[in-house]
Amino acid sequence: MRQGTLQERATLLDVLIDGFEKNEVMAGLHWRQLPMPDEAAAVTKFTAFTEEARRWKGQPERLDESGPRRIAAWPDLEIRQIGRGIMVCARAPSFNWWHERTTWEGDPLGPIYDWLEEERGSR
């Protein structure tokens, strides 16, 4: 059985990729929830998520770390914390090009699958 990620060890990327049960969208934003064991753990996690996001996105456009409500926000990402709860909201993407015939012409990913197969064969 796969061992799950502990709350304390979850990264922002973990939450964005796998921290949800269904496709929640609110006001054009996907949202993820991370309840923490207590407020101190939530503040620590908010700080870690904010630092992780800064490495990707630079300084937030909106930042309030004074509490009891904390927010770090960029145009396409928000991290909020109050009490022991954290919510991460990320703008819902729109890949209109995904289903266009020209996107997939010429098997653009075939060489990657060939490469993966080569690596599997060399083990």
PDB file of N, CA and C in Angstrom:
ATOM      1  N   MET A   1       0.843  -1.184   0.000  1.00  0.00           N
ATOM      2  CA  MET A   1       0.000   0.000   0.000  1.00  0.00           C
ATOM      3  C   MET A   1       0.885   1.243   0.000  1.00  0.00           C
ATOM      4  N   ARG A   2       0.510   2.212  -0.796  1.00  0.00           N
ATOM      5  CA  ARG A   2       1.260   3.469  -0.884  1.00  0.00           C
ATOM      6  C   ARG A   2       1.068   4.273   0.393  1.00  0.00           C
ATOM      7  N   GLN A   3       2.168   4.726   0.949  1.00  0.00           N
ATOM      8  CA  GLN A   3       2.100   5.529   2.159  1.00  0.00           C
ATOM      9  C   GLN A   3       1.809   6.970   1.787  1.00  0.00           C
ATOM     10  N   GLY A   4       0.869   7.586   2.458  1.00  0.00           N
ATOM     11  CA  GLY A   4       0.483   8.956   2.151  1.00  0.00           C
ATOM     12  C   GLY A   4       1.464   9.981   2.696  1.00  0.00           C
ATOM     13  N   THR A   5       1.338  11.195   2.197  1.00  0.00           N
ATOM     14  CA  THR A   5       2.167  12.315   2.640  1.00  0.00           C
ATOM     15  C   THR A   5       1.567  12.901   3.910  1.00  0.00           C
ATOM     16  N   LEU A   6       2.375  13.070   4.905  1.00  0.00           N
ATOM     17  CA  LEU A   6       1.917  13.686   6.148  1.00  0.00           C
ATOM     18  C   LEU A   6       1.591  15.157   5.909  1.00  0.00           C
ATOM     19  N   GLN A   7       0.651  15.688   6.666  1.00  0.00           N
ATOM     20  CA  GLN A   7       0.281  17.098   6.536  1.00  0.00           C
ATOM     21  C   GLN A   7       1.504  17.989   6.639  1.00  0.00           C
ATOM     22  N   GLU A   8       2.338  17.719   7.601  1.00  0.00           N
ATOM     23  CA  GLU A   8       3.489  18.569   7.865  1.00  0.00           C
ATOM     24  C   GLU A   8       4.500  18.535   6.726  1.00  0.00           C
ATOM     25  N   ARG A   9       4.505  17.456   5.942  1.00  0.00           N
ATOM     26  CA  ARG A   9       5.499  17.300   4.877  1.00  0.00           C
ATOM     27  C   ARG A   9       4.958  17.677   3.507  1.00  0.00           C
ATOM     28  N   ALA A  10       3.675  17.956   3.399  1.00  0.00           N
ATOM     29  CA  ALA A  10       3.076  18.298   2.106  1.00  0.00           C
ATOM     30  C   ALA A  10       3.648  19.620   1.593  1.00  0.00           C
ATOM     31  N   THR A  11       4.052  19.623   0.328  1.00  0.00           N
ATOM     32  CA  THR A  11       4.524  20.855  -0.298  1.00  0.00           C
ATOM     33  C   THR A  11       3.367  21.518  -1.034  1.00  0.00           C
ATOM     34  N   LEU A  12       3.574  22.745  -1.451  1.00  0.00           N
ATOM     35  CA  LEU A  12       2.571  23.432  -2.254  1.00  0.00           C
ATOM     36  C   LEU A  12       2.306  22.630  -3.532  1.00  0.00           C
ATOM     37  N   LEU A  13       3.343  22.139  -4.161  1.00  0.00           N
ATOM     38  CA  LEU A  13       3.174  21.345  -5.368  1.00  0.00           C
ATOM     39  C   LEU A  13       2.340  20.094  -5.094  1.00  0.00           C
ATOM     40  N   ASP A  14       2.579  19.415  -3.964  1.00  0.00           N
ATOM     41  CA  ASP A  14       1.766  18.256  -3.592  1.00  0.00           C
ATOM     42  C   ASP A  14       0.290  18.621  -3.523  1.00  0.00           C
ATOM     43  N   VAL A  15      -0.004  19.728  -2.877  1.00  0.00           N
ATOM     44  CA  VAL A  15      -1.395  20.148  -2.703  1.00  0.00           C
ATOM     45  C   VAL A  15      -2.016  20.502  -4.050  1.00  0.00           C
ATOM     46  N   LEU A  16      -1.281  21.198  -4.902  1.00  0.00           N
ATOM     47  CA  LEU A  16      -1.812  21.588  -6.204  1.00  0.00           C
ATOM     48  C   LEU A  16      -2.076  20.376  -7.098  1.00  0.00           C
ATOM     49  N   ILE A  17      -1.240  19.374  -7.001  1.00  0.00           N
ATOM     50  CA  ILE A  17      -1.382  18.219  -7.875  1.00  0.00           C
ATOM     51  C   ILE A  17      -2.339  17.180  -7.312  1.00  0.00           C
ATOM     52  N   ASP A  18      -2.238  16.883  -6.025  1.00  0.00           N
ATOM     53  CA  ASP A  18      -2.933  15.710  -5.510  1.00  0.00           C
ATOM     54  C   ASP A  18      -3.771  15.969  -4.270  1.00  0.00           C
ATOM     55  N   GLY A  19      -3.909  17.201  -3.861  1.00  0.00           N
ATOM     56  CA  GLY A  19      -4.586  17.475  -2.600  1.00  0.00           C
ATOM     57  C   GLY A  19      -6.077  17.702  -2.727  1.00  0.00           C
ATOM     58  N   PHE A  20      -6.751  16.990  -3.613  1.00  0.00           N
ATOM     59  CA  PHE A  20      -8.188  17.198  -3.757  1.00  0.00           C
ATOM     60  C   PHE A  20      -8.872  15.897  -4.121  1.00  0.00           C
ATOM     61  N   GLU A  21     -10.149  15.830  -3.844  1.00  0.00           N
ATOM     62  CA  GLU A  21     -10.934  14.636  -4.118  1.00  0.00           C
ATOM     63  C   GLU A  21     -11.748  14.783  -5.381  1.00  0.00           C
ATOM     64  N   LYS A  22     -12.078  16.009  -5.763  1.00  0.00           N
ATOM     65  CA  LYS A  22     -12.838  16.254  -6.979  1.00  0.00           C
ATOM     66  C   LYS A  22     -12.367  17.571  -7.574  1.00  0.00           C
ATOM     67  N   ASN A  23     -12.889  17.929  -8.688  1.00  0.00           N
ATOM     68  CA  ASN A  23     -12.437  19.122  -9.394  1.00  0.00           C
ATOM     69  C   ASN A  23     -13.194  20.351  -8.886  1.00  0.00           C
ATOM     70  N   GLU A  24     -12.812  20.847  -7.734  1.00  0.00           N
ATOM     71  CA  GLU A  24     -13.479  21.997  -7.157  1.00  0.00           C
ATOM     72  C   GLU A  24     -13.053  23.276  -7.870  1.00  0.00           C
ATOM     73  N   VAL A  25     -14.024  24.064  -8.320  1.00  0.00           N
ATOM     74  CA  VAL A  25     -13.734  25.354  -8.931  1.00  0.00           C
ATOM     75  C   VAL A  25     -14.667  26.378  -8.313  1.00  0.00           C
ATOM     76  N   MET A  26     -14.092  27.505  -7.882  1.00  0.00           N
ATOM     77  CA  MET A  26     -14.848  28.578  -7.262  1.00  0.00           C
ATOM     78  C   MET A  26     -14.358  29.881  -7.887  1.00  0.00           C
ATOM     79  N   ALA A  27     -15.249  30.616  -8.543  1.00  0.00           N
ATOM     80  CA  ALA A  27     -14.913  31.904  -9.165  1.00  0.00           C
ATOM     81  C   ALA A  27     -13.712  31.786 -10.113  1.00  0.00           C
ATOM     82  N   GLY A  28     -13.676  30.696 -10.896  1.00  0.00           N
ATOM     83  CA  GLY A  28     -12.596  30.507 -11.858  1.00  0.00           C
ATOM     84  C   GLY A  28     -11.297  29.998 -11.265  1.00  0.00           C
ATOM     85  N   LEU A  29     -11.319  29.624  -9.991  1.00  0.00           N
ATOM     86  CA  LEU A  29     -10.118  29.124  -9.322  1.00  0.00           C
ATOM     87  C   LEU A  29     -10.359  27.700  -8.827  1.00  0.00           C
ATOM     88  N   HIS A  30      -9.382  26.824  -9.065  1.00  0.00           N
ATOM     89  CA  HIS A  30      -9.390  25.513  -8.416  1.00  0.00           C
ATOM     90  C   HIS A  30      -8.978  25.759  -6.970  1.00  0.00           C
ATOM     91  N   TRP A  31      -9.605  25.110  -6.041  1.00  0.00           N
ATOM     92  CA  TRP A  31      -9.220  25.300  -4.646  1.00  0.00           C
ATOM     93  C   TRP A  31      -8.942  23.974  -3.981  1.00  0.00           C
ATOM     94  N   ARG A  32      -7.954  24.019  -3.116  1.00  0.00           N
ATOM     95  CA  ARG A  32      -7.528  22.856  -2.362  1.00  0.00           C
ATOM     96  C   ARG A  32      -7.524  23.233  -0.891  1.00  0.00           C
ATOM     97  N   GLN A  33      -7.860  22.286  -0.066  1.00  0.00           N
ATOM     98  CA  GLN A  33      -7.907  22.538   1.370  1.00  0.00           C
ATOM     99  C   GLN A  33      -6.876  21.669   2.079  1.00  0.00           C
ATOM    100  N   LEU A  34      -6.262  22.221   3.101  1.00  0.00           N
ATOM    101  CA  LEU A  34      -5.330  21.449   3.916  1.00  0.00           C
ATOM    102  C   LEU A  34      -5.563  21.808   5.378  1.00  0.00           C
ATOM    103  N   PRO A  35      -6.387  21.033   6.084  1.00  0.00           N
ATOM    104  CA  PRO A  35      -6.532  21.265   7.514  1.00  0.00           C
ATOM    105  C   PRO A  35      -5.285  20.756   8.234  1.00  0.00           C
ATOM    106  N   MET A  36      -4.774  21.547   9.135  1.00  0.00           N
ATOM    107  CA  MET A  36      -3.576  21.186   9.887  1.00  0.00           C
ATOM    108  C   MET A  36      -3.968  20.811  11.310  1.00  0.00           C
ATOM    109  N   PRO A  37      -3.067  20.172  12.060  1.00  0.00           N
ATOM    110  CA  PRO A  37      -3.402  19.733  13.410  1.00  0.00           C
ATOM    111  C   PRO A  37      -3.739  20.879  14.366  1.00  0.00           C
ATOM    112  N   ASP A  38      -3.083  22.028  14.171  1.00  0.00           N
ATOM    113  CA  ASP A  38      -3.341  23.184  15.034  1.00  0.00           C
ATOM    114  C   ASP A  38      -2.928  24.456  14.295  1.00  0.00           C
ATOM    115  N   GLU A  39      -3.217  25.607  14.894  1.00  0.00           N
ATOM    116  CA  GLU A  39      -2.939  26.875  14.236  1.00  0.00           C
ATOM    117  C   GLU A  39      -1.445  27.094  14.012  1.00  0.00           C
ATOM    118  N   ALA A  40      -0.628  26.715  14.971  1.00  0.00           N
ATOM    119  CA  ALA A  40       0.821  26.910  14.811  1.00  0.00           C
ATOM    120  C   ALA A  40       1.337  26.131  13.600  1.00  0.00           C
ATOM    121  N   ALA A  41       0.855  24.910  13.420  1.00  0.00           N
ATOM    122  CA  ALA A  41       1.257  24.110  12.257  1.00  0.00           C
ATOM    123  C   ALA A  41       0.751  24.758  10.969  1.00  0.00           C
ATOM    124  N   ALA A  42      -0.442  25.341  11.006  1.00  0.00           N
ATOM    125  CA  ALA A  42      -0.998  25.999   9.826  1.00  0.00           C
ATOM    126  C   ALA A  42      -0.183  27.237   9.450  1.00  0.00           C
ATOM    127  N   VAL A  43       0.229  28.012  10.433  1.00  0.00           N
ATOM    128  CA  VAL A  43       1.050  29.197  10.155  1.00  0.00           C
ATOM    129  C   VAL A  43       2.386  28.769   9.563  1.00  0.00           C
ATOM    130  N   THR A  44       2.988  27.734  10.116  1.00  0.00           N
ATOM    131  CA  THR A  44       4.251  27.219   9.583  1.00  0.00           C
ATOM    132  C   THR A  44       4.079  26.759   8.145  1.00  0.00           C
ATOM    133  N   LYS A  45       2.985  26.049   7.862  1.00  0.00           N
ATOM    134  CA  LYS A  45       2.733  25.560   6.506  1.00  0.00           C
ATOM    135  C   LYS A  45       2.432  26.713   5.552  1.00  0.00           C
ATOM    136  N   PHE A  46       1.670  27.724   6.010  1.00  0.00           N
ATOM    137  CA  PHE A  46       1.408  28.904   5.184  1.00  0.00           C
ATOM    138  C   PHE A  46       2.728  29.557   4.774  1.00  0.00           C
ATOM    139  N   THR A  47       3.624  29.726   5.728  1.00  0.00           N
ATOM    140  CA  THR A  47       4.931  30.330   5.455  1.00  0.00           C
ATOM    141  C   THR A  47       5.717  29.495   4.453  1.00  0.00           C
ATOM    142  N   ALA A  48       5.710  28.173   4.621  1.00  0.00           N
ATOM    143  CA  ALA A  48       6.436  27.293   3.695  1.00  0.00           C
ATOM    144  C   ALA A  48       5.840  27.359   2.295  1.00  0.00           C
ATOM    145  N   PHE A  49       4.506  27.325   2.199  1.00  0.00           N
ATOM    146  CA  PHE A  49       3.860  27.413   0.890  1.00  0.00           C
ATOM    147  C   PHE A  49       4.165  28.751   0.220  1.00  0.00           C
ATOM    148  N   THR A  50       4.123  29.818   0.996  1.00  0.00           N
ATOM    149  CA  THR A  50       4.389  31.151   0.451  1.00  0.00           C
ATOM    150  C   THR A  50       5.822  31.239  -0.070  1.00  0.00           C
ATOM    151  N   GLU A  51       6.763  30.690   0.664  1.00  0.00           N
ATOM    152  CA  GLU A  51       8.159  30.686   0.213  1.00  0.00           C
ATOM    153  C   GLU A  51       8.329  29.847  -1.045  1.00  0.00           C
ATOM    154  N   GLU A  52       7.661  28.702  -1.101  1.00  0.00           N
ATOM    155  CA  GLU A  52       7.732  27.855  -2.292  1.00  0.00           C
ATOM    156  C   GLU A  52       7.163  28.602  -3.504  1.00  0.00           C
ATOM    157  N   ALA A  53       6.032  29.254  -3.310  1.00  0.00           N
ATOM    158  CA  ALA A  53       5.414  30.002  -4.406  1.00  0.00           C
ATOM    159  C   ALA A  53       6.296  31.170  -4.847  1.00  0.00           C
ATOM    160  N   ARG A  54       6.955  31.834  -3.912  1.00  0.00           N
ATOM    161  CA  ARG A  54       7.860  32.938  -4.274  1.00  0.00           C
ATOM    162  C   ARG A  54       8.971  32.462  -5.193  1.00  0.00           C
ATOM    163  N   ARG A  55       9.461  31.246  -4.962  1.00  0.00           N
ATOM    164  CA  ARG A  55      10.538  30.716  -5.818  1.00  0.00           C
ATOM    165  C   ARG A  55      10.042  30.530  -7.248  1.00  0.00           C
ATOM    166  N   TRP A  56       8.772  30.244  -7.422  1.00  0.00           N
ATOM    167  CA  TRP A  56       8.213  30.074  -8.766  1.00  0.00           C
ATOM    168  C   TRP A  56       7.798  31.392  -9.369  1.00  0.00           C
ATOM    169  N   LYS A  57       7.143  32.231  -8.564  1.00  0.00           N
ATOM    170  CA  LYS A  57       6.374  33.345  -9.096  1.00  0.00           C
ATOM    171  C   LYS A  57       6.880  34.724  -8.706  1.00  0.00           C
ATOM    172  N   GLY A  58       7.897  34.792  -7.865  1.00  0.00           N
ATOM    173  CA  GLY A  58       8.368  36.097  -7.397  1.00  0.00           C
ATOM    174  C   GLY A  58       7.515  36.593  -6.241  1.00  0.00           C
ATOM    175  N   GLN A  59       7.617  37.883  -5.981  1.00  0.00           N
ATOM    176  CA  GLN A  59       6.900  38.464  -4.843  1.00  0.00           C
ATOM    177  C   GLN A  59       5.390  38.490  -5.096  1.00  0.00           C
ATOM    178  N   PRO A  60       4.603  38.192  -4.073  1.00  0.00           N
ATOM    179  CA  PRO A  60       3.150  38.248  -4.240  1.00  0.00           C
ATOM    180  C   PRO A  60       2.675  39.687  -4.433  1.00  0.00           C
ATOM    181  N   GLU A  61       1.584  39.836  -5.166  1.00  0.00           N
ATOM    182  CA  GLU A  61       0.973  41.156  -5.338  1.00  0.00           C
ATOM    183  C   GLU A  61       0.247  41.590  -4.072  1.00  0.00           C
ATOM    184  N   ARG A  62      -0.221  40.640  -3.328  1.00  0.00           N
ATOM    185  CA  ARG A  62      -0.913  40.918  -2.064  1.00  0.00           C
ATOM    186  C   ARG A  62      -0.320  40.002  -1.015  1.00  0.00           C
ATOM    187  N   LEU A  63       0.075  40.588   0.111  1.00  0.00           N
ATOM    188  CA  LEU A  63       0.674  39.806   1.182  1.00  0.00           C
ATOM    189  C   LEU A  63       0.275  40.391   2.515  1.00  0.00           C
ATOM    190  N   ASP A  64      -0.332  39.574   3.352  1.00  0.00           N
ATOM    191  CA  ASP A  64      -0.645  39.943   4.730  1.00  0.00           C
ATOM    192  C   ASP A  64      -0.333  38.737   5.591  1.00  0.00           C
ATOM    193  N   GLU A  65       0.736  38.830   6.352  1.00  0.00           N
ATOM    194  CA  GLU A  65       1.178  37.744   7.216  1.00  0.00           C
ATOM    195  C   GLU A  65       0.977  38.077   8.691  1.00  0.00           C
ATOM    196  N   SER A  66       0.231  39.147   8.953  1.00  0.00           N
ATOM    197  CA  SER A  66       0.110  39.621  10.331  1.00  0.00           C
ATOM    198  C   SER A  66      -0.864  38.814  11.173  1.00  0.00           C
ATOM    199  N   GLY A  67      -1.769  38.076  10.558  1.00  0.00           N
ATOM    200  CA  GLY A  67      -2.709  37.236  11.287  1.00  0.00           C
ATOM    201  C   GLY A  67      -3.829  38.037  11.920  1.00  0.00           C
ATOM    202  N   PRO A  68      -4.892  37.448  12.339  1.00  0.00           N
ATOM    203  CA  PRO A  68      -5.111  35.998  12.308  1.00  0.00           C
ATOM    204  C   PRO A  68      -5.435  35.468  10.918  1.00  0.00           C
ATOM    205  N   ARG A  69      -5.754  36.362   9.972  1.00  0.00           N
ATOM    206  CA  ARG A  69      -5.968  35.952   8.585  1.00  0.00           C
ATOM    207  C   ARG A  69      -4.709  36.251   7.800  1.00  0.00           C
ATOM    208  N   ARG A  70      -4.204  35.244   7.105  1.00  0.00           N
ATOM    209  CA  ARG A  70      -2.990  35.423   6.305  1.00  0.00           C
ATOM    210  C   ARG A  70      -3.317  35.144   4.846  1.00  0.00           C
ATOM    211  N   ILE A  71      -2.710  35.924   3.948  1.00  0.00           N
ATOM    212  CA  ILE A  71      -2.895  35.707   2.513  1.00  0.00           C
ATOM    213  C   ILE A  71      -1.618  36.088   1.774  1.00  0.00           C
ATOM    214  N   ALA A  72      -1.289  35.276   0.798  1.00  0.00           N
ATOM    215  CA  ALA A  72      -0.252  35.585  -0.180  1.00  0.00           C
ATOM    216  C   ALA A  72      -0.921  35.343  -1.531  1.00  0.00           C
ATOM    217  N   ALA A  73      -0.945  36.370  -2.388  1.00  0.00           N
ATOM    218  CA  ALA A  73      -1.697  36.252  -3.635  1.00  0.00           C
ATOM    219  C   ALA A  73      -0.923  36.804  -4.823  1.00  0.00           C
ATOM    220  N   TRP A  74      -0.965  36.060  -5.903  1.00  0.00           N
ATOM    221  CA  TRP A  74      -0.461  36.420  -7.208  1.00  0.00           C
ATOM    222  C   TRP A  74      -1.666  36.440  -8.132  1.00  0.00           C
ATOM    223  N   PRO A  75      -1.545  36.913  -9.364  1.00  0.00           N
ATOM    224  CA  PRO A  75      -2.717  36.948 -10.242  1.00  0.00           C
ATOM    225  C   PRO A  75      -3.390  35.586 -10.449  1.00  0.00           C
ATOM    226  N   ASP A  76      -2.624  34.502 -10.378  1.00  0.00           N
ATOM    227  CA  ASP A  76      -3.180  33.185 -10.652  1.00  0.00           C
ATOM    228  C   ASP A  76      -3.044  32.192  -9.495  1.00  0.00           C
ATOM    229  N   LEU A  77      -2.684  32.679  -8.313  1.00  0.00           N
ATOM    230  CA  LEU A  77      -2.492  31.798  -7.167  1.00  0.00           C
ATOM    231  C   LEU A  77      -2.757  32.561  -5.880  1.00  0.00           C
ATOM    232  N   GLU A  78      -3.493  31.937  -4.964  1.00  0.00           N
ATOM    233  CA  GLU A  78      -3.717  32.499  -3.630  1.00  0.00           C
ATOM    234  C   GLU A  78      -3.458  31.419  -2.590  1.00  0.00           C
ATOM    235  N   ILE A  79      -2.841  31.821  -1.501  1.00  0.00           N
ATOM    236  CA  ILE A  79      -2.652  30.942  -0.356  1.00  0.00           C
ATOM    237  C   ILE A  79      -3.251  31.684   0.832  1.00  0.00           C
ATOM    238  N   ARG A  80      -4.214  31.057   1.503  1.00  0.00           N
ATOM    239  CA  ARG A  80      -4.893  31.683   2.634  1.00  0.00           C
ATOM    240  C   ARG A  80      -4.788  30.776   3.861  1.00  0.00           C
ATOM    241  N   GLN A  81      -4.728  31.407   5.030  1.00  0.00           N
ATOM    242  CA  GLN A  81      -4.685  30.641   6.273  1.00  0.00           C
ATOM    243  C   GLN A  81      -5.430  31.408   7.343  1.00  0.00           C
ATOM    244  N   ILE A  82      -6.236  30.695   8.100  1.00  0.00           N
ATOM    245  CA  ILE A  82      -6.861  31.210   9.307  1.00  0.00           C
ATOM    246  C   ILE A  82      -7.112  30.022  10.226  1.00  0.00           C
ATOM    247  N   GLY A  83      -6.814  30.187  11.498  1.00  0.00           N
ATOM    248  CA  GLY A  83      -6.943  29.062  12.422  1.00  0.00           C
ATOM    249  C   GLY A  83      -6.057  27.921  11.968  1.00  0.00           C
ATOM    250  N   ARG A  84      -6.592  26.721  11.969  1.00  0.00           N
ATOM    251  CA  ARG A  84      -5.795  25.570  11.532  1.00  0.00           C
ATOM    252  C   ARG A  84      -6.051  25.196  10.078  1.00  0.00           C
ATOM    253  N   GLY A  85      -6.774  26.063   9.354  1.00  0.00           N
ATOM    254  CA  GLY A  85      -7.110  25.778   7.962  1.00  0.00           C
ATOM    255  C   GLY A  85      -6.275  26.555   6.968  1.00  0.00           C
ATOM    256  N   ILE A  86      -5.925  25.887   5.870  1.00  0.00           N
ATOM    257  CA  ILE A  86      -5.220  26.508   4.750  1.00  0.00           C
ATOM    258  C   ILE A  86      -6.032  26.222   3.495  1.00  0.00           C
ATOM    259  N   MET A  87      -6.152  27.218   2.634  1.00  0.00           N
ATOM    260  CA  MET A  87      -6.769  27.030   1.324  1.00  0.00           C
ATOM    261  C   MET A  87      -5.815  27.577   0.277  1.00  0.00           C
ATOM    262  N   VAL A  88      -5.608  26.784  -0.767  1.00  0.00           N
ATOM    263  CA  VAL A  88      -4.793  27.180  -1.904  1.00  0.00           C
ATOM    264  C   VAL A  88      -5.727  27.265  -3.103  1.00  0.00           C
ATOM    265  N   CYS A  89      -5.718  28.403  -3.783  1.00  0.00           N
ATOM    266  CA  CYS A  89      -6.543  28.603  -4.979  1.00  0.00           C
ATOM    267  C   CYS A  89      -5.632  28.896  -6.159  1.00  0.00           C
ATOM    268  N   ALA A  90      -5.847  28.181  -7.260  1.00  0.00           N
ATOM    269  CA  ALA A  90      -5.055  28.376  -8.473  1.00  0.00           C
ATOM    270  C   ALA A  90      -6.000  28.590  -9.648  1.00  0.00           C
ATOM    271  N   ARG A  91      -5.685  29.573 -10.469  1.00  0.00           N
ATOM    272  CA  ARG A  91      -6.524  29.893 -11.627  1.00  0.00           C
ATOM    273  C   ARG A  91      -6.735  28.650 -12.475  1.00  0.00           C
ATOM    274  N   ALA A  92      -7.966  28.396 -12.862  1.00  0.00           N
ATOM    275  CA  ALA A  92      -8.297  27.261 -13.720  1.00  0.00           C
ATOM    276  C   ALA A  92      -7.764  27.531 -15.123  1.00  0.00           C
ATOM    277  N   PRO A  93      -6.920  26.636 -15.646  1.00  0.00           N
ATOM    278  CA  PRO A  93      -6.357  26.865 -16.980  1.00  0.00           C
ATOM    279  C   PRO A  93      -7.389  26.588 -18.064  1.00  0.00           C
ATOM    280  N   SER A  94      -7.125  27.116 -19.212  1.00  0.00           N
ATOM    281  CA  SER A  94      -7.964  26.864 -20.376  1.00  0.00           C
ATOM    282  C   SER A  94      -7.054  26.497 -21.530  1.00  0.00           C
ATOM    283  N   PHE A  95      -6.982  25.214 -21.833  1.00  0.00           N
ATOM    284  CA  PHE A  95      -6.130  24.724 -22.912  1.00  0.00           C
ATOM    285  C   PHE A  95      -6.976  24.516 -24.158  1.00  0.00           C
ATOM    286  N   ASN A  96      -7.431  25.606 -24.750  1.00  0.00           N
ATOM    287  CA  ASN A  96      -8.254  25.509 -25.952  1.00  0.00           C
ATOM    288  C   ASN A  96      -7.518  24.799 -27.085  1.00  0.00           C
ATOM    289  N   TRP A  97      -6.219  24.944 -27.139  1.00  0.00           N
ATOM    290  CA  TRP A  97      -5.395  24.354 -28.186  1.00  0.00           C
ATOM    291  C   TRP A  97      -5.278  22.837 -28.073  1.00  0.00           C
ATOM    292  N   TRP A  98      -5.580  22.288 -26.896  1.00  0.00           N
ATOM    293  CA  TRP A  98      -5.368  20.864 -26.611  1.00  0.00           C
ATOM    294  C   TRP A  98      -6.078  19.958 -27.614  1.00  0.00           C
ATOM    295  N   HIS A  99      -7.302  20.335 -27.997  1.00  0.00           N
ATOM    296  CA  HIS A  99      -8.108  19.477 -28.863  1.00  0.00           C
ATOM    297  C   HIS A  99      -8.012  19.849 -30.340  1.00  0.00           C
ATOM    298  N   GLU A 100      -7.151  20.795 -30.676  1.00  0.00           N
ATOM    299  CA  GLU A 100      -6.972  21.156 -32.079  1.00  0.00           C
ATOM    300  C   GLU A 100      -6.129  20.093 -32.787  1.00  0.00           C
ATOM    301  N   ARG A 101      -6.538  19.741 -33.977  1.00  0.00           N
ATOM    302  CA  ARG A 101      -5.850  18.714 -34.756  1.00  0.00           C
ATOM    303  C   ARG A 101      -4.373  19.050 -34.942  1.00  0.00           C
ATOM    304  N   THR A 102      -4.066  20.316 -35.205  1.00  0.00           N
ATOM    305  CA  THR A 102      -2.687  20.719 -35.486  1.00  0.00           C
ATOM    306  C   THR A 102      -1.769  20.542 -34.274  1.00  0.00           C
ATOM    307  N   THR A 103      -2.315  20.570 -33.084  1.00  0.00           N
ATOM    308  CA  THR A 103      -1.506  20.379 -31.871  1.00  0.00           C
ATOM    309  C   THR A 103      -0.827  19.019 -31.870  1.00  0.00           C
ATOM    310  N   TRP A 104      -1.520  18.011 -32.365  1.00  0.00           N
ATOM    311  CA  TRP A 104      -1.038  16.638 -32.277  1.00  0.00           C
ATOM    312  C   TRP A 104      -0.495  16.094 -33.601  1.00  0.00           C
ATOM    313  N   GLU A 105      -0.475  16.916 -34.646  1.00  0.00           N
ATOM    314  CA  GLU A 105       0.048  16.462 -35.937  1.00  0.00           C
ATOM    315  C   GLU A 105       1.519  16.083 -35.832  1.00  0.00           C
ATOM    316  N   GLY A 106       1.889  15.025 -36.532  1.00  0.00           N
ATOM    317  CA  GLY A 106       3.298  14.625 -36.585  1.00  0.00           C
ATOM    318  C   GLY A 106       3.770  13.880 -35.346  1.00  0.00           C
ATOM    319  N   ASP A 107       2.861  13.420 -34.504  1.00  0.00           N
ATOM    320  CA  ASP A 107       3.223  12.650 -33.307  1.00  0.00           C
ATOM    321  C   ASP A 107       4.304  13.351 -32.474  1.00  0.00           C
ATOM    322  N   PRO A 108       4.011  14.539 -31.913  1.00  0.00           N
ATOM    323  CA  PRO A 108       5.037  15.312 -31.220  1.00  0.00           C
ATOM    324  C   PRO A 108       5.625  14.618 -29.989  1.00  0.00           C
ATOM    325  N   LEU A 109       4.899  13.678 -29.394  1.00  0.00           N
ATOM    326  CA  LEU A 109       5.417  13.017 -28.192  1.00  0.00           C
ATOM    327  C   LEU A 109       5.979  11.630 -28.466  1.00  0.00           C
ATOM    328  N   GLY A 110       5.865  11.168 -29.705  1.00  0.00           N
ATOM    329  CA  GLY A 110       6.407   9.857 -30.048  1.00  0.00           C
ATOM    330  C   GLY A 110       7.862   9.685 -29.647  1.00  0.00           C
ATOM    331  N   PRO A 111       8.742  10.651 -29.951  1.00  0.00           N
ATOM    332  CA  PRO A 111      10.154  10.503 -29.560  1.00  0.00           C
ATOM    333  C   PRO A 111      10.350  10.387 -28.037  1.00  0.00           C
ATOM    334  N   ILE A 112       9.507  11.027 -27.261  1.00  0.00           N
ATOM    335  CA  ILE A 112       9.631  10.900 -25.795  1.00  0.00           C
ATOM    336  C   ILE A 112       9.273   9.483 -25.364  1.00  0.00           C
ATOM    337  N   TYR A 113       8.179   8.928 -25.929  1.00  0.00           N
ATOM    338  CA  TYR A 113       7.809   7.555 -25.594  1.00  0.00           C
ATOM    339  C   TYR A 113       8.880   6.564 -26.056  1.00  0.00           C
ATOM    340  N   ASP A 114       9.485   6.815 -27.206  1.00  0.00           N
ATOM    341  CA  ASP A 114      10.590   5.975 -27.667  1.00  0.00           C
ATOM    342  C   ASP A 114      11.751   6.022 -26.672  1.00  0.00           C
ATOM    343  N   TRP A 115      12.069   7.199 -26.207  1.00  0.00           N
ATOM    344  CA  TRP A 115      13.152   7.395 -25.241  1.00  0.00           C
ATOM    345  C   TRP A 115      12.857   6.631 -23.955  1.00  0.00           C
ATOM    346  N   LEU A 116      11.622   6.757 -23.447  1.00  0.00           N
ATOM    347  CA  LEU A 116      11.235   6.036 -22.230  1.00  0.00           C
ATOM    348  C   LEU A 116      11.366   4.525 -22.432  1.00  0.00           C
ATOM    349  N   GLU A 117      10.948   4.052 -23.591  1.00  0.00           N
ATOM    350  CA  GLU A 117      11.041   2.617 -23.894  1.00  0.00           C
ATOM    351  C   GLU A 117      12.507   2.170 -23.943  1.00  0.00           C
ATOM    352  N   GLU A 118      13.379   3.000 -24.533  1.00  0.00           N
ATOM    353  CA  GLU A 118      14.810   2.688 -24.545  1.00  0.00           C
ATOM    354  C   GLU A 118      15.353   2.549 -23.133  1.00  0.00           C
ATOM    355  N   GLU A 119      14.979   3.469 -22.251  1.00  0.00           N
ATOM    356  CA  GLU A 119      15.459   3.427 -20.869  1.00  0.00           C
ATOM    357  C   GLU A 119      14.953   2.165 -20.158  1.00  0.00           C
ATOM    358  N   ARG A 120      13.695   1.799 -20.394  1.00  0.00           N
ATOM    359  CA  ARG A 120      13.143   0.588 -19.765  1.00  0.00           C
ATOM    360  C   ARG A 120      13.920  -0.648 -20.242  1.00  0.00           C
ATOM    361  N   GLY A 121      14.267  -0.644 -21.532  1.00  0.00           N
ATOM    362  CA  GLY A 121      14.995  -1.788 -22.092  1.00  0.00           C
ATOM    363  C   GLY A 121      16.411  -1.914 -21.608  1.00  0.00           C
ATOM    364  N   SER A 122      17.003  -0.819 -21.129  1.00  0.00           N
ATOM    365  CA  SER A 122      18.400  -0.860 -20.685  1.00  0.00           C
ATOM    366  C   SER A 122      18.519  -1.206 -19.207  1.00  0.00           C
ATOM    367  N   ARG A 123      17.431  -1.455 -18.543  1.00  0.00           N
ATOM    368  CA  ARG A 123      17.504  -1.794 -17.104  1.00  0.00           C
ATOM    369  C   ARG A 123      17.699  -3.253 -16.892  1.00  0.00           C
TER     370      ARG A 123
END
